[in-house]
Amino acid sequence: MKAELEAAAAEAQAVRDRIGPIRNVSADVLLRITGVQPGPGGGRISTVVADYELRNNQDGTTLARVRVSQQ
């Protein structure tokens, strides 16, 4: 599964500066389920991102905590 999150340019640059050249970062994402569609052999779950946290895996430092506004 692939996901893309958008951020303001200044916010994104601040996170890139904290990550540095080592890309050993993980993301914890809280999703809100908005719908479920059963289907043959599976189905689809629709979600929206409620918030996420980026963490440096080497030292456990939290790089960013973001609560996504629900418009």
PDB file of N, CA and C in Angstrom:
ATOM      1  N   MET A   1       0.841  -1.165   0.000  1.00  0.00           N
ATOM      2  CA  MET A   1       0.000   0.000   0.000  1.00  0.00           C
ATOM      3  C   MET A   1       0.892   1.235   0.000  1.00  0.00           C
ATOM      4  N   LYS A   2       0.550   2.191  -0.808  1.00  0.00           N
ATOM      5  CA  LYS A   2       1.310   3.434  -0.897  1.00  0.00           C
ATOM      6  C   LYS A   2       0.417   4.588  -0.486  1.00  0.00           C
ATOM      7  N   ALA A   3       0.963   5.512   0.290  1.00  0.00           N
ATOM      8  CA  ALA A   3       0.195   6.685   0.705  1.00  0.00           C
ATOM      9  C   ALA A   3       1.063   7.916   0.538  1.00  0.00           C
ATOM     10  N   GLU A   4       0.437   9.004   0.219  1.00  0.00           N
ATOM     11  CA  GLU A   4       1.141  10.278   0.112  1.00  0.00           C
ATOM     12  C   GLU A   4       0.456  11.282   1.012  1.00  0.00           C
ATOM     13  N   LEU A   5       1.259  12.033   1.768  1.00  0.00           N
ATOM     14  CA  LEU A   5       0.736  13.071   2.643  1.00  0.00           C
ATOM     15  C   LEU A   5       1.278  14.395   2.156  1.00  0.00           C
ATOM     16  N   GLU A   6       0.433  15.399   2.117  1.00  0.00           N
ATOM     17  CA  GLU A   6       0.878  16.720   1.675  1.00  0.00           C
ATOM     18  C   GLU A   6       1.101  17.615   2.884  1.00  0.00           C
ATOM     19  N   ALA A   7       2.098  18.484   2.778  1.00  0.00           N
ATOM     20  CA  ALA A   7       2.405  19.431   3.853  1.00  0.00           C
ATOM     21  C   ALA A   7       2.823  20.752   3.222  1.00  0.00           C
ATOM     22  N   ALA A   8       2.706  21.810   4.007  1.00  0.00           N
ATOM     23  CA  ALA A   8       3.163  23.122   3.540  1.00  0.00           C
ATOM     24  C   ALA A   8       4.666  23.048   3.288  1.00  0.00           C
ATOM     25  N   ALA A   9       5.153  23.823   2.339  1.00  0.00           N
ATOM     26  CA  ALA A   9       6.567  23.771   1.950  1.00  0.00           C
ATOM     27  C   ALA A   9       7.498  24.002   3.135  1.00  0.00           C
ATOM     28  N   ALA A  10       7.219  24.982   3.972  1.00  0.00           N
ATOM     29  CA  ALA A  10       8.095  25.277   5.115  1.00  0.00           C
ATOM     30  C   ALA A  10       8.088  24.124   6.113  1.00  0.00           C
ATOM     31  N   GLU A  11       6.925  23.534   6.345  1.00  0.00           N
ATOM     32  CA  GLU A  11       6.826  22.398   7.270  1.00  0.00           C
ATOM     33  C   GLU A  11       7.587  21.195   6.726  1.00  0.00           C
ATOM     34  N   ALA A  12       7.427  20.931   5.431  1.00  0.00           N
ATOM     35  CA  ALA A  12       8.123  19.810   4.810  1.00  0.00           C
ATOM     36  C   ALA A  12       9.638  20.007   4.862  1.00  0.00           C
ATOM     37  N   GLN A  13      10.115  21.216   4.621  1.00  0.00           N
ATOM     38  CA  GLN A  13      11.554  21.487   4.669  1.00  0.00           C
ATOM     39  C   GLN A  13      12.091  21.296   6.081  1.00  0.00           C
ATOM     40  N   ALA A  14      11.344  21.713   7.087  1.00  0.00           N
ATOM     41  CA  ALA A  14      11.786  21.540   8.480  1.00  0.00           C
ATOM     42  C   ALA A  14      11.943  20.060   8.818  1.00  0.00           C
ATOM     43  N   VAL A  15      11.021  19.225   8.343  1.00  0.00           N
ATOM     44  CA  VAL A  15      11.125  17.781   8.582  1.00  0.00           C
ATOM     45  C   VAL A  15      12.320  17.209   7.830  1.00  0.00           C
ATOM     46  N   ARG A  16      12.517  17.613   6.562  1.00  0.00           N
ATOM     47  CA  ARG A  16      13.687  17.132   5.798  1.00  0.00           C
ATOM     48  C   ARG A  16      14.985  17.522   6.495  1.00  0.00           C
ATOM     49  N   ASP A  17      15.043  18.728   7.052  1.00  0.00           N
ATOM     50  CA  ASP A  17      16.251  19.173   7.756  1.00  0.00           C
ATOM     51  C   ASP A  17      16.526  18.299   8.976  1.00  0.00           C
ATOM     52  N   ARG A  18      15.485  17.882   9.678  1.00  0.00           N
ATOM     53  CA  ARG A  18      15.660  17.053  10.868  1.00  0.00           C
ATOM     54  C   ARG A  18      16.026  15.622  10.510  1.00  0.00           C
ATOM     55  N   ILE A  19      15.526  15.121   9.355  1.00  0.00           N
ATOM     56  CA  ILE A  19      15.841  13.756   8.943  1.00  0.00           C
ATOM     57  C   ILE A  19      17.297  13.666   8.506  1.00  0.00           C
ATOM     58  N   GLY A  20      17.759  14.665   7.757  1.00  0.00           N
ATOM     59  CA  GLY A  20      19.141  14.667   7.285  1.00  0.00           C
ATOM     60  C   GLY A  20      19.353  13.646   6.186  1.00  0.00           C
ATOM     61  N   PRO A  21      20.619  13.287   5.945  1.00  0.00           N
ATOM     62  CA  PRO A  21      20.928  12.383   4.842  1.00  0.00           C
ATOM     63  C   PRO A  21      20.536  10.933   5.120  1.00  0.00           C
ATOM     64  N   ILE A  22      20.343  10.574   6.387  1.00  0.00           N
ATOM     65  CA  ILE A  22      19.966   9.204   6.729  1.00  0.00           C
ATOM     66  C   ILE A  22      18.450   9.122   6.713  1.00  0.00           C
ATOM     67  N   ARG A  23      17.908   8.229   5.910  1.00  0.00           N
ATOM     68  CA  ARG A  23      16.461   8.145   5.728  1.00  0.00           C
ATOM     69  C   ARG A  23      15.846   7.008   6.551  1.00  0.00           C
ATOM     70  N   ASN A  24      16.352   6.781   7.743  1.00  0.00           N
ATOM     71  CA  ASN A  24      15.870   5.707   8.605  1.00  0.00           C
ATOM     72  C   ASN A  24      14.723   6.230   9.456  1.00  0.00           C
ATOM     73  N   VAL A  25      13.570   6.471   8.818  1.00  0.00           N
ATOM     74  CA  VAL A  25      12.435   7.114   9.462  1.00  0.00           C
ATOM     75  C   VAL A  25      11.201   6.228   9.309  1.00  0.00           C
ATOM     76  N   SER A  26      10.388   6.173  10.374  1.00  0.00           N
ATOM     77  CA  SER A  26       9.127   5.442  10.282  1.00  0.00           C
ATOM     78  C   SER A  26       7.972   6.396  10.556  1.00  0.00           C
ATOM     79  N   ALA A  27       6.793   6.009  10.099  1.00  0.00           N
ATOM     80  CA  ALA A  27       5.597   6.824  10.298  1.00  0.00           C
ATOM     81  C   ALA A  27       4.524   5.978  10.966  1.00  0.00           C
ATOM     82  N   ASP A  28       3.937   6.518  12.021  1.00  0.00           N
ATOM     83  CA  ASP A  28       2.745   5.937  12.632  1.00  0.00           C
ATOM     84  C   ASP A  28       1.585   6.806  12.190  1.00  0.00           C
ATOM     85  N   VAL A  29       0.575   6.174  11.583  1.00  0.00           N
ATOM     86  CA  VAL A  29      -0.544   6.925  11.006  1.00  0.00           C
ATOM     87  C   VAL A  29      -1.850   6.422  11.614  1.00  0.00           C
ATOM     88  N   LEU A  30      -2.670   7.364  12.090  1.00  0.00           N
ATOM     89  CA  LEU A  30      -4.004   7.040  12.583  1.00  0.00           C
ATOM     90  C   LEU A  30      -4.993   7.329  11.465  1.00  0.00           C
ATOM     91  N   LEU A  31      -5.711   6.294  11.040  1.00  0.00           N
ATOM     92  CA  LEU A  31      -6.683   6.427   9.951  1.00  0.00           C
ATOM     93  C   LEU A  31      -8.099   6.341  10.510  1.00  0.00           C
ATOM     94  N   ARG A  32      -8.993   7.141   9.957  1.00  0.00           N
ATOM     95  CA  ARG A  32     -10.411   7.070  10.304  1.00  0.00           C
ATOM     96  C   ARG A  32     -11.115   6.368   9.138  1.00  0.00           C
ATOM     97  N   ILE A  33     -11.800   5.275   9.434  1.00  0.00           N
ATOM     98  CA  ILE A  33     -12.519   4.537   8.397  1.00  0.00           C
ATOM     99  C   ILE A  33     -13.772   5.319   8.025  1.00  0.00           C
ATOM    100  N   THR A  34     -13.927   5.562   6.720  1.00  0.00           N
ATOM    101  CA  THR A  34     -15.079   6.328   6.241  1.00  0.00           C
ATOM    102  C   THR A  34     -16.065   5.477   5.450  1.00  0.00           C
ATOM    103  N   GLY A  35     -15.653   4.280   5.082  1.00  0.00           N
ATOM    104  CA  GLY A  35     -16.565   3.419   4.327  1.00  0.00           C
ATOM    105  C   GLY A  35     -15.963   2.049   4.079  1.00  0.00           C
ATOM    106  N   VAL A  36     -16.844   1.075   3.861  1.00  0.00           N
ATOM    107  CA  VAL A  36     -16.423  -0.295   3.567  1.00  0.00           C
ATOM    108  C   VAL A  36     -17.268  -0.809   2.413  1.00  0.00           C
ATOM    109  N   GLN A  37     -16.603  -1.368   1.409  1.00  0.00           N
ATOM    110  CA  GLN A  37     -17.287  -1.944   0.252  1.00  0.00           C
ATOM    111  C   GLN A  37     -16.863  -3.401   0.113  1.00  0.00           C
ATOM    112  N   PRO A  38     -17.743  -4.359   0.424  1.00  0.00           N
ATOM    113  CA  PRO A  38     -17.380  -5.758   0.212  1.00  0.00           C
ATOM    114  C   PRO A  38     -17.271  -6.046  -1.284  1.00  0.00           C
ATOM    115  N   GLY A  39     -16.430  -6.996  -1.601  1.00  0.00           N
ATOM    116  CA  GLY A  39     -16.266  -7.368  -3.001  1.00  0.00           C
ATOM    117  C   GLY A  39     -15.775  -8.792  -3.106  1.00  0.00           C
ATOM    118  N   PRO A  40     -15.815  -9.359  -4.298  1.00  0.00           N
ATOM    119  CA  PRO A  40     -15.340 -10.734  -4.472  1.00  0.00           C
ATOM    120  C   PRO A  40     -13.851 -10.836  -4.174  1.00  0.00           C
ATOM    121  N   GLY A  41     -13.510 -11.756  -3.307  1.00  0.00           N
ATOM    122  CA  GLY A  41     -12.104 -11.967  -2.960  1.00  0.00           C
ATOM    123  C   GLY A  41     -11.528 -10.866  -2.092  1.00  0.00           C
ATOM    124  N   GLY A  42     -12.345 -10.050  -1.469  1.00  0.00           N
ATOM    125  CA  GLY A  42     -11.822  -8.975  -0.620  1.00  0.00           C
ATOM    126  C   GLY A  42     -12.799  -7.833  -0.518  1.00  0.00           C
ATOM    127  N   GLY A  43     -12.375  -6.683  -0.905  1.00  0.00           N
ATOM    128  CA  GLY A  43     -13.217  -5.503  -0.832  1.00  0.00           C
ATOM    129  C   GLY A  43     -12.356  -4.258  -0.707  1.00  0.00           C
ATOM    130  N   ARG A  44     -13.004  -3.179  -0.294  1.00  0.00           N
ATOM    131  CA  ARG A  44     -12.276  -1.922  -0.168  1.00  0.00           C
ATOM    132  C   ARG A  44     -12.665  -1.237   1.136  1.00  0.00           C
ATOM    133  N   ILE A  45     -11.671  -0.704   1.823  1.00  0.00           N
ATOM    134  CA  ILE A  45     -11.885   0.111   3.013  1.00  0.00           C
ATOM    135  C   ILE A  45     -11.416   1.516   2.677  1.00  0.00           C
ATOM    136  N   SER A  46     -12.299   2.496   2.776  1.00  0.00           N
ATOM    137  CA  SER A  46     -11.941   3.896   2.522  1.00  0.00           C
ATOM    138  C   SER A  46     -11.600   4.557   3.849  1.00  0.00           C
ATOM    139  N   THR A  47     -10.546   5.364   3.846  1.00  0.00           N
ATOM    140  CA  THR A  47     -10.099   6.016   5.073  1.00  0.00           C
ATOM    141  C   THR A  47      -9.673   7.450   4.793  1.00  0.00           C
ATOM    142  N   VAL A  48      -9.534   8.220   5.862  1.00  0.00           N
ATOM    143  CA  VAL A  48      -8.875   9.521   5.816  1.00  0.00           C
ATOM    144  C   VAL A  48      -7.831   9.528   6.921  1.00  0.00           C
ATOM    145  N   VAL A  49      -6.761  10.258   6.714  1.00  0.00           N
ATOM    146  CA  VAL A  49      -5.706  10.355   7.721  1.00  0.00           C
ATOM    147  C   VAL A  49      -6.159  11.331   8.796  1.00  0.00           C
ATOM    148  N   ALA A  50      -6.157  10.870  10.054  1.00  0.00           N
ATOM    149  CA  ALA A  50      -6.518  11.733  11.185  1.00  0.00           C
ATOM    150  C   ALA A  50      -5.275  12.440  11.727  1.00  0.00           C
ATOM    151  N   ASP A  51      -4.188  11.691  11.926  1.00  0.00           N
ATOM    152  CA  ASP A  51      -2.916  12.290  12.323  1.00  0.00           C
ATOM    153  C   ASP A  51      -1.785  11.313  12.051  1.00  0.00           C
ATOM    154  N   TYR A  52      -0.563  11.832  12.097  1.00  0.00           N
ATOM    155  CA  TYR A  52       0.594  10.965  11.910  1.00  0.00           C
ATOM    156  C   TYR A  52       1.790  11.507  12.669  1.00  0.00           C
ATOM    157  N   GLU A  53       2.737  10.597  12.934  1.00  0.00           N
ATOM    158  CA  GLU A  53       3.966  10.948  13.645  1.00  0.00           C
ATOM    159  C   GLU A  53       5.131  10.334  12.884  1.00  0.00           C
ATOM    160  N   LEU A  54       6.161  11.124  12.634  1.00  0.00           N
ATOM    161  CA  LEU A  54       7.384  10.635  11.996  1.00  0.00           C
ATOM    162  C   LEU A  54       8.444  10.482  13.070  1.00  0.00           C
ATOM    163  N   ARG A  55       9.153   9.344  13.044  1.00  0.00           N
ATOM    164  CA  ARG A  55      10.141   9.050  14.076  1.00  0.00           C
ATOM    165  C   ARG A  55      11.446   8.579  13.454  1.00  0.00           C
ATOM    166  N   ASN A  56      12.557   9.052  14.013  1.00  0.00           N
ATOM    167  CA  ASN A  56      13.892   8.596  13.627  1.00  0.00           C
ATOM    168  C   ASN A  56      14.092   7.222  14.256  1.00  0.00           C
ATOM    169  N   ASN A  57      14.282   6.182  13.440  1.00  0.00           N
ATOM    170  CA  ASN A  57      14.423   4.825  13.959  1.00  0.00           C
ATOM    171  C   ASN A  57      15.743   4.597  14.682  1.00  0.00           C
ATOM    172  N   GLN A  58      16.751   5.409  14.421  1.00  0.00           N
ATOM    173  CA  GLN A  58      18.049   5.200  15.054  1.00  0.00           C
ATOM    174  C   GLN A  58      18.047   5.592  16.521  1.00  0.00           C
ATOM    175  N   ASP A  59      17.436   6.738  16.845  1.00  0.00           N
ATOM    176  CA  ASP A  59      17.478   7.185  18.238  1.00  0.00           C
ATOM    177  C   ASP A  59      16.102   7.381  18.868  1.00  0.00           C
ATOM    178  N   GLY A  60      15.037   7.100  18.117  1.00  0.00           N
ATOM    179  CA  GLY A  60      13.690   7.206  18.654  1.00  0.00           C
ATOM    180  C   GLY A  60      13.138   8.619  18.727  1.00  0.00           C
ATOM    181  N   THR A  61      13.878   9.602  18.227  1.00  0.00           N
ATOM    182  CA  THR A  61      13.444  10.994  18.269  1.00  0.00           C
ATOM    183  C   THR A  61      12.201  11.194  17.408  1.00  0.00           C
ATOM    184  N   THR A  62      11.211  11.912  17.950  1.00  0.00           N
ATOM    185  CA  THR A  62      10.041  12.278  17.166  1.00  0.00           C
ATOM    186  C   THR A  62      10.404  13.483  16.310  1.00  0.00           C
ATOM    187  N   LEU A  63      10.241  13.342  14.995  1.00  0.00           N
ATOM    188  CA  LEU A  63      10.588  14.402  14.055  1.00  0.00           C
ATOM    189  C   LEU A  63       9.416  15.330  13.796  1.00  0.00           C
ATOM    190  N   ALA A  64       8.212  14.777  13.789  1.00  0.00           N
ATOM    191  CA  ALA A  64       7.025  15.598  13.521  1.00  0.00           C
ATOM    192  C   ALA A  64       5.792  14.869  14.029  1.00  0.00           C
ATOM    193  N   ARG A  65       4.879  15.634  14.580  1.00  0.00           N
ATOM    194  CA  ARG A  65       3.540  15.144  14.927  1.00  0.00           C
ATOM    195  C   ARG A  65       2.555  16.062  14.220  1.00  0.00           C
ATOM    196  N   VAL A  66       1.694  15.470  13.402  1.00  0.00           N
ATOM    197  CA  VAL A  66       0.802  16.283  12.588  1.00  0.00           C
ATOM    198  C   VAL A  66      -0.633  15.801  12.762  1.00  0.00           C
ATOM    199  N   ARG A  67      -1.516  16.707  13.104  1.00  0.00           N
ATOM    200  CA  ARG A  67      -2.958  16.417  13.123  1.00  0.00           C
ATOM    201  C   ARG A  67      -3.520  17.033  11.846  1.00  0.00           C
ATOM    202  N   VAL A  68      -4.140  16.205  11.035  1.00  0.00           N
ATOM    203  CA  VAL A  68      -4.644  16.639   9.739  1.00  0.00           C
ATOM    204  C   VAL A  68      -6.030  17.250   9.932  1.00  0.00           C
ATOM    205  N   SER A  69      -6.219  18.451   9.396  1.00  0.00           N
ATOM    206  CA  SER A  69      -7.526  19.099   9.518  1.00  0.00           C
ATOM    207  C   SER A  69      -8.504  18.393   8.605  1.00  0.00           C
ATOM    208  N   GLN A  70      -9.682  18.137   9.111  1.00  0.00           N
ATOM    209  CA  GLN A  70     -10.730  17.453   8.351  1.00  0.00           C
ATOM    210  C   GLN A  70     -11.687  18.507   7.818  1.00  0.00           C
ATOM    211  N   GLN A  71     -11.581  18.801   6.537  1.00  0.00           N
ATOM    212  CA  GLN A  71     -12.425  19.841   5.931  1.00  0.00           C
ATOM    213  C   GLN A  71     -13.597  19.230   5.225  1.00  0.00           C
TER     214      GLN A  71
END
